[in-house]
Protein backbone atom coordinates (compact mmCIF):
# COMPACT_ATOMS: atom_id res chain seq x y z
CA MET A 1 0.00 0.00 0.00
CA ARG A 2 1.34 3.42 -0.94
CA ARG A 3 2.10 5.79 1.99
CA ARG A 4 -0.60 8.27 0.88
CA ASP A 5 -3.23 5.52 0.81
CA LEU A 6 -2.10 4.29 4.23
CA LEU A 7 -2.44 7.77 5.73
CA SER A 8 -5.82 8.23 4.09
CA GLY A 9 -6.99 4.96 5.56
CA LEU A 10 -5.73 5.85 9.00
CA SER A 11 -7.49 9.24 8.91
CA GLY A 12 -10.73 7.45 8.13
CA VAL A 13 -10.23 5.13 11.11
CA ILE A 14 -9.52 8.12 13.39
CA LEU A 15 -12.61 9.97 12.16
CA ALA A 16 -14.77 6.90 12.66
CA ALA A 17 -13.34 6.40 16.13
CA SER A 18 -14.07 10.00 17.08
CA VAL A 19 -17.69 9.56 16.01
CA ARG A 20 -18.05 6.26 17.88
CA HIS A 21 -16.41 7.38 21.11
CA GLY A 22 -17.95 10.85 21.23
CA SER A 23 -16.52 14.02 22.74
CA GLY A 24 -13.93 12.34 24.98
CA PHE A 25 -11.80 11.22 22.04
CA ALA A 26 -12.41 14.45 20.14
CA GLN A 27 -11.44 16.58 23.14
CA ALA A 28 -8.16 14.71 23.41
CA MET A 29 -7.30 16.04 19.92
CA LEU A 30 -8.08 19.67 20.83
CA PRO A 31 -5.44 22.21 21.89
CA THR A 32 -5.36 22.53 25.67
CA VAL A 33 -5.28 25.87 27.49
CA ALA A 34 -4.56 26.01 31.23
CA VAL A 35 -5.98 28.95 33.20
CA LEU A 36 -4.40 29.87 36.54
CA ARG A 37 -5.66 32.45 39.01
CA VAL A 38 -5.18 33.12 42.71
CA SER A 39 -8.59 32.52 44.24
CA LYS A 40 -11.01 29.96 45.57
CA ALA A 41 -12.54 27.78 42.89
CA GLU A 42 -16.05 29.13 43.47
CA SER A 43 -15.05 32.79 43.18
CA GLY A 44 -12.55 32.27 40.39
CA ALA A 45 -15.02 30.26 38.34
CA ALA A 46 -17.36 33.24 38.11
CA LEU A 47 -14.61 35.40 36.62
CA ASN A 48 -13.40 32.63 34.30
CA ARG A 49 -16.89 32.57 32.79
CA VAL A 50 -16.05 36.05 31.51
CA LEU A 51 -13.00 34.60 29.75
CA ARG A 52 -15.13 31.86 28.21
CA ARG A 53 -17.55 34.50 26.93
CA ALA A 54 -14.70 36.49 25.39
CA LEU A 55 -13.32 33.36 23.70
CA THR A 56 -16.75 32.39 22.37
CA GLU A 57 -17.01 35.79 20.67
CA LEU A 58 -13.91 34.78 18.66
CA GLY A 59 -15.28 31.36 17.77
CA GLN A 60 -13.21 29.52 20.39
CA GLU A 61 -15.42 27.24 22.47
CA ASP A 62 -14.44 24.87 25.25
CA GLY A 63 -15.04 21.30 24.13
CA ARG A 64 -15.40 22.24 20.46
CA THR A 65 -12.26 24.14 19.35
CA LEU A 66 -10.13 23.95 22.51
CA ARG A 67 -10.05 22.41 25.97
CA LEU A 68 -9.87 24.75 28.97
CA VAL A 69 -8.42 23.36 32.20
CA GLU A 70 -8.88 25.72 35.15
CA TYR A 71 -6.58 25.87 38.18
CA PHE A 72 -7.34 27.82 41.35
CA GLU A 73 -5.04 28.37 44.31
CA GLU A 74 -5.71 30.56 47.36
CA ARG A 75 -2.18 30.46 48.75
CA VAL A 76 0.52 32.32 46.88
CA GLU A 77 3.21 30.14 48.45
CA ARG A 78 1.66 27.09 46.76
CA LEU A 79 1.68 28.62 43.28
CA PRO A 80 5.10 27.17 42.29
CA ASP A 81 3.74 23.64 42.87
CA VAL A 82 0.61 24.39 40.83
CA ALA A 83 2.72 25.95 38.07
CA ALA A 84 4.90 22.82 37.98
CA GLU A 85 1.76 20.67 37.73
CA ILE A 86 0.52 22.75 34.80
CA VAL A 87 3.85 22.52 32.98
CA ARG A 88 3.96 18.73 33.45
CA ALA A 89 0.58 18.55 31.70
CA GLN A 90 2.16 20.32 28.68
CA PRO A 91 -0.76 22.55 27.59
CA ASN A 92 -0.52 24.38 24.28
CA ALA A 93 -0.85 27.73 26.08
CA ILE A 94 -1.49 29.15 29.55
CA VAL A 95 -3.63 32.08 30.70
CA ALA A 96 -2.24 33.62 33.90
CA LEU A 97 -4.44 36.05 35.81
CA GLY A 98 -2.42 38.24 38.17
CA LEU A 99 1.22 38.94 38.96
CA PRO A 100 1.75 36.06 41.46
CA ALA A 101 0.49 33.52 38.92
CA VAL A 102 2.64 35.04 36.17
CA ARG A 103 5.78 34.93 38.31
CA ALA A 104 5.26 31.28 39.25
CA LEU A 105 4.58 30.20 35.68
CA ARG A 106 7.44 32.21 34.21
CA GLU A 107 9.84 30.45 36.57
CA ALA A 108 8.31 27.07 35.71
CA THR A 109 8.55 27.29 31.90
CA PRO A 110 10.57 29.32 29.40
CA SER A 111 8.74 27.89 26.39
CA ILE A 112 4.98 27.37 26.85
CA PRO A 113 3.17 30.57 25.73
CA ILE A 114 1.74 32.55 28.67
CA VAL A 115 -0.99 35.12 27.99
CA ALA A 116 -1.36 37.21 31.13
CA VAL A 117 -3.18 39.95 32.94
CA THR A 118 -0.48 41.44 35.12
CA SER A 119 1.23 44.54 36.43
CA PHE A 120 4.86 45.72 36.40
CA PRO A 121 6.07 43.26 33.68
CA VAL A 122 8.96 45.53 32.66
CA GLU A 123 9.76 46.91 36.11
CA LEU A 124 10.05 43.41 37.56
CA GLY A 125 12.17 42.13 34.70
CA LEU A 126 9.57 39.74 33.28
CA VAL A 127 9.93 41.27 29.78
CA PRO A 128 12.41 43.80 28.35
CA THR A 129 9.76 46.10 26.81
CA LEU A 130 6.00 46.13 26.36
CA ALA A 131 6.27 46.60 22.60
CA ARG A 132 8.76 43.73 22.12
CA PRO A 133 8.38 41.36 25.06
CA GLY A 134 10.08 38.42 23.32
CA GLY A 135 10.22 35.13 25.19
CA ASN A 136 7.01 33.31 26.10
CA LEU A 137 5.03 36.04 27.89
CA SER A 138 2.60 38.70 26.65
CA GLY A 139 -0.95 39.83 27.39
CA VAL A 140 -2.43 42.86 29.13
CA THR A 141 -0.67 45.09 31.62
CA ILE A 142 -2.69 47.30 33.97
CA PHE A 143 -1.63 50.85 34.88
CA THR A 144 -1.38 49.71 38.48
CA GLU A 145 0.57 52.59 40.00
CA GLU A 146 -1.40 55.27 38.17
CA LEU A 147 -4.73 53.66 39.04
CA ASN A 148 -3.80 53.27 42.71
CA VAL A 149 -3.04 57.01 42.83
CA LYS A 150 -6.25 57.88 40.97
CA ARG A 151 -8.30 55.79 43.40
CA LEU A 152 -6.69 57.56 46.36
CA ALA A 153 -7.75 60.89 44.88
CA LEU A 154 -11.29 59.59 44.32
CA LEU A 155 -11.40 58.41 47.92
CA ARG A 156 -10.54 61.92 49.03
CA GLU A 157 -13.33 63.30 46.80
CA LEU A 158 -15.69 60.81 48.41
CA MET A 159 -14.66 62.06 51.86
CA PRO A 160 -13.33 65.63 51.44
CA ASP A 161 -12.93 66.11 55.20
CA ALA A 162 -10.97 62.89 55.74
CA ARG A 163 -7.47 63.30 57.10
CA ARG A 164 -6.35 59.66 57.47
CA LEU A 165 -6.51 57.27 54.52
CA ALA A 166 -5.15 53.71 54.39
CA ALA A 167 -4.28 51.25 51.63
CA LEU A 168 -4.96 47.53 51.93
CA ARG A 169 -2.11 45.70 50.18
CA ASP A 170 -1.41 42.13 49.15
CA PRO A 171 2.43 42.03 49.30
CA ALA A 172 2.58 39.39 46.58
CA ALA A 173 0.78 41.67 44.12
CA ALA A 174 2.05 45.14 45.11
CA PRO A 175 5.81 45.28 45.73
CA ALA A 176 6.84 47.81 48.39
CA GLU A 177 9.07 49.71 45.98
CA HIS A 178 6.03 50.65 43.90
CA LEU A 179 4.19 52.36 46.75
CA ARG A 180 6.26 55.55 46.55
CA SER A 181 3.85 57.25 44.15
CA LEU A 182 0.96 56.55 46.54
CA ARG A 183 2.83 58.12 49.44
CA GLU A 184 3.70 61.15 47.31
CA ALA A 185 0.06 61.51 46.27
CA ALA A 186 -1.03 61.35 49.92
CA GLN A 187 1.35 64.21 50.71
CA GLU A 188 -0.14 66.30 47.90
CA LEU A 189 -3.64 65.55 49.20
CA ARG A 190 -2.44 66.51 52.70
CA VAL A 191 -3.64 63.32 54.34
CA THR A 192 -1.97 60.92 56.72
CA PHE A 193 -1.40 57.67 54.85
CA ASP A 194 -0.28 54.17 55.74
CA VAL A 195 -0.31 50.68 54.23
CA ILE A 196 -1.92 47.69 55.94
CA ASP A 197 -0.97 44.25 54.62
CA ALA A 198 -3.14 41.17 54.10
CA SER A 199 -1.35 38.18 52.57
CA GLN A 200 -4.26 35.74 52.73
CA PRO A 201 -8.04 35.92 53.05
CA GLU A 202 -8.09 35.43 56.83
CA ASP A 203 -5.85 38.52 57.22
CA ILE A 204 -8.45 40.85 55.71
CA ALA A 205 -10.91 41.31 58.58
CA PRO A 206 -8.13 41.91 61.17
CA ALA A 207 -6.53 44.41 58.76
CA PHE A 208 -9.74 46.43 58.57
CA ARG A 209 -10.09 46.33 62.35
CA ARG A 210 -6.53 47.62 62.76
CA ALA A 211 -7.23 50.41 60.29
CA ARG A 212 -10.33 51.43 62.24
CA GLU A 213 -8.54 51.28 65.59
CA ALA A 214 -5.70 53.42 64.20
CA GLY A 215 -8.18 56.12 63.22
CA PHE A 216 -8.16 55.71 59.45
CA GLU A 217 -11.33 56.93 57.77
CA ALA A 218 -11.34 55.07 54.42
CA VAL A 219 -9.40 52.34 52.62
CA ASN A 220 -7.96 52.12 49.11
CA VAL A 221 -7.94 48.40 48.27
CA LEU A 222 -4.92 47.95 46.01
CA ALA A 223 -5.10 45.69 42.98
CA SER A 224 -4.61 42.00 43.79
CA PRO A 225 -5.97 38.78 42.24
CA MET A 226 -6.36 37.39 45.76
CA PHE A 227 -8.51 40.38 46.76
CA ASN A 228 -10.53 40.05 43.54
CA GLY A 229 -11.39 36.48 44.48
CA VAL A 230 -12.65 37.37 47.97
CA SER A 231 -14.67 40.51 47.22
CA GLY A 232 -17.40 39.46 49.62
CA ILE A 233 -14.94 39.07 52.51
CA ILE A 234 -13.55 42.56 51.83
CA ALA A 235 -17.03 44.10 51.62
CA THR A 236 -18.13 42.43 54.87
CA ALA A 237 -14.96 43.41 56.75
CA ALA A 238 -15.22 46.99 55.52
CA ALA A 239 -18.88 47.24 56.52
CA GLN A 240 -18.18 45.83 59.98
CA ALA A 241 -15.40 48.38 60.47
CA ARG A 242 -17.62 51.08 58.91
CA LEU A 243 -14.83 52.04 56.54
CA PRO A 244 -15.61 53.17 52.96
CA THR A 245 -13.57 51.36 50.31
CA ILE A 246 -12.52 51.91 46.72
CA CYS A 247 -11.46 48.88 44.66
CA GLN A 248 -10.26 48.18 41.11
CA TRP A 249 -12.94 46.05 39.43
CA ARG A 250 -16.66 46.80 39.16
CA GLU A 251 -17.37 43.22 40.27
CA MET A 252 -15.94 44.16 43.67
CA THR A 253 -18.38 47.07 43.92
CA GLU A 254 -21.21 44.75 42.98
CA ALA A 255 -20.08 42.55 45.89
CA GLY A 256 -20.38 45.44 48.36
CA CYS A 257 -17.41 47.82 48.09
CA VAL A 258 -18.52 51.46 48.02
CA MET A 259 -16.66 52.44 44.84
CA SER A 260 -14.45 51.05 42.11
CA TYR A 261 -12.38 52.63 39.40
CA GLY A 262 -10.48 50.67 36.81
CA PRO A 263 -10.66 48.87 33.49
CA SER A 264 -13.56 46.69 32.43
CA TYR A 265 -12.86 43.05 33.29
CA LEU A 266 -14.72 41.91 30.18
CA GLU A 267 -12.78 44.27 27.90
CA THR A 268 -9.50 43.19 29.53
CA LEU A 269 -10.25 39.51 29.00
CA ARG A 270 -11.35 40.21 25.43
CA VAL A 271 -7.77 41.30 24.76
CA VAL A 272 -6.47 38.15 26.47
CA ALA A 273 -8.84 36.04 24.38
CA LYS A 274 -7.72 37.78 21.18
CA GLN A 275 -4.05 37.13 21.93
CA LEU A 276 -4.74 33.53 22.95
CA ASP A 277 -6.69 32.99 19.74
CA ARG A 278 -3.73 34.26 17.71
CA VAL A 279 -1.29 32.00 19.58
CA LEU A 280 -3.49 28.94 18.98
CA ARG A 281 -3.64 29.85 15.29
CA GLY A 282 0.13 29.89 15.02
CA THR A 283 1.35 33.40 15.91
CA ARG A 284 4.51 33.39 18.02
CA ILE A 285 3.79 34.94 21.41
CA ALA A 286 7.21 36.63 21.26
CA ASP A 287 5.80 38.75 18.41
CA LEU A 288 2.73 39.94 20.35
CA PRO A 289 3.18 43.24 22.22
CA PHE A 290 1.66 43.77 25.63
CA GLU A 291 -1.56 45.76 25.37
CA GLN A 292 -3.03 48.23 27.87
CA PRO A 293 -6.65 49.03 28.76
CA THR A 294 -8.19 52.06 27.12
CA LYS A 295 -11.57 52.14 28.88
CA PHE A 296 -11.98 52.86 32.60
CA GLU A 297 -15.18 53.06 34.61
CA LEU A 298 -16.26 54.57 37.91
CA VAL A 299 -18.93 52.52 39.68
CA ILE A 300 -20.61 53.52 42.96
CA ASN A 301 -22.65 51.28 45.25
CA LEU A 302 -25.22 53.51 46.97
CA LYS A 303 -26.59 50.64 49.01
CA ALA A 304 -23.17 49.91 50.51
CA ALA A 305 -22.63 53.60 51.25
CA LYS A 306 -25.98 53.96 52.99
CA ALA A 307 -25.30 50.85 55.09
CA ILE A 308 -22.39 52.66 56.79
CA GLY A 309 -24.11 56.05 56.92
CA LEU A 310 -22.07 57.61 54.11
CA ASP A 311 -23.46 60.27 51.77
CA ILE A 312 -21.96 60.31 48.27
CA PRO A 313 -21.16 63.85 47.02
CA PRO A 314 -23.57 64.75 44.17
CA MET A 315 -20.76 65.70 41.77
CA LEU A 316 -19.19 62.27 42.22
CA LEU A 317 -22.51 60.59 41.48
CA LEU A 318 -22.82 62.62 38.29
CA ARG A 319 -19.41 61.44 37.11
CA ALA A 320 -20.11 57.78 37.79
CA ASP A 321 -20.48 55.45 34.83
CA GLU A 322 -22.91 53.38 36.88
CA VAL A 323 -24.65 53.75 40.23
CA ILE A 324 -25.82 50.58 41.99
CA GLU A 325 -28.88 51.28 44.13
């Protein structure tokens, strides 16, 4: 039998087998994409549905054109083990949501393409430039420092008489050396400012209590994938301490934070989906520049504000892109 005829015959057998055995066999032939985020499975799953929606808009559907395998880990210190597990599975590409996940995966593999949502990729030496990242990492970078400063200013607008403002920080997501701009902004606003750390979910409520006991009047919740995954814990702790909060994502305001200002999560993951789609279709990730959000939204939760006896200034309400009542 000629080689061409043999291959033709084999392809017919494979096609017949895929029909007989159903989706299990077919899925084994699909490109695999691992998704890693720092969160509990139940909270991370809700946000990963946004990624699935963005992929579907591009014609990429789990179980039909690709296979998504989701990984969730609450503890940053366990991320290297999870990253090693992902690399052993040899996916075609990886989506990494948040700086801690990116760092763990970048150390675990120099070759598997990583499409990320992260901060400080150049400053931390993960890529040489945003325009030409090279290597195996690209995606979306958030203006973390600028947004943290902007949110501090919005917090002061929310409470113009406040004199003591705090920031809640996840050390794994916000390196200490990048807090200088926040401290400088606090000086310009003429407010006393300090940073309170929470490295894991159970640290959050005590952190808010310490802030209240120290006399702080509001809290700027700095960007962190761990914080994103426990929005309800943050909202509850803030309400119990009667401290207004401003967060990054609108989903955190929907969960009970008073305000949020930042990029749209859906728009951000649409960029991730677009880059992932290009990688799966053969584009080298080294040739894809990092992209940055262009749309930012201010969302205010009136119900959360009223629950702690806070009146939102009318001018701030007028500027809001959405008011949750």
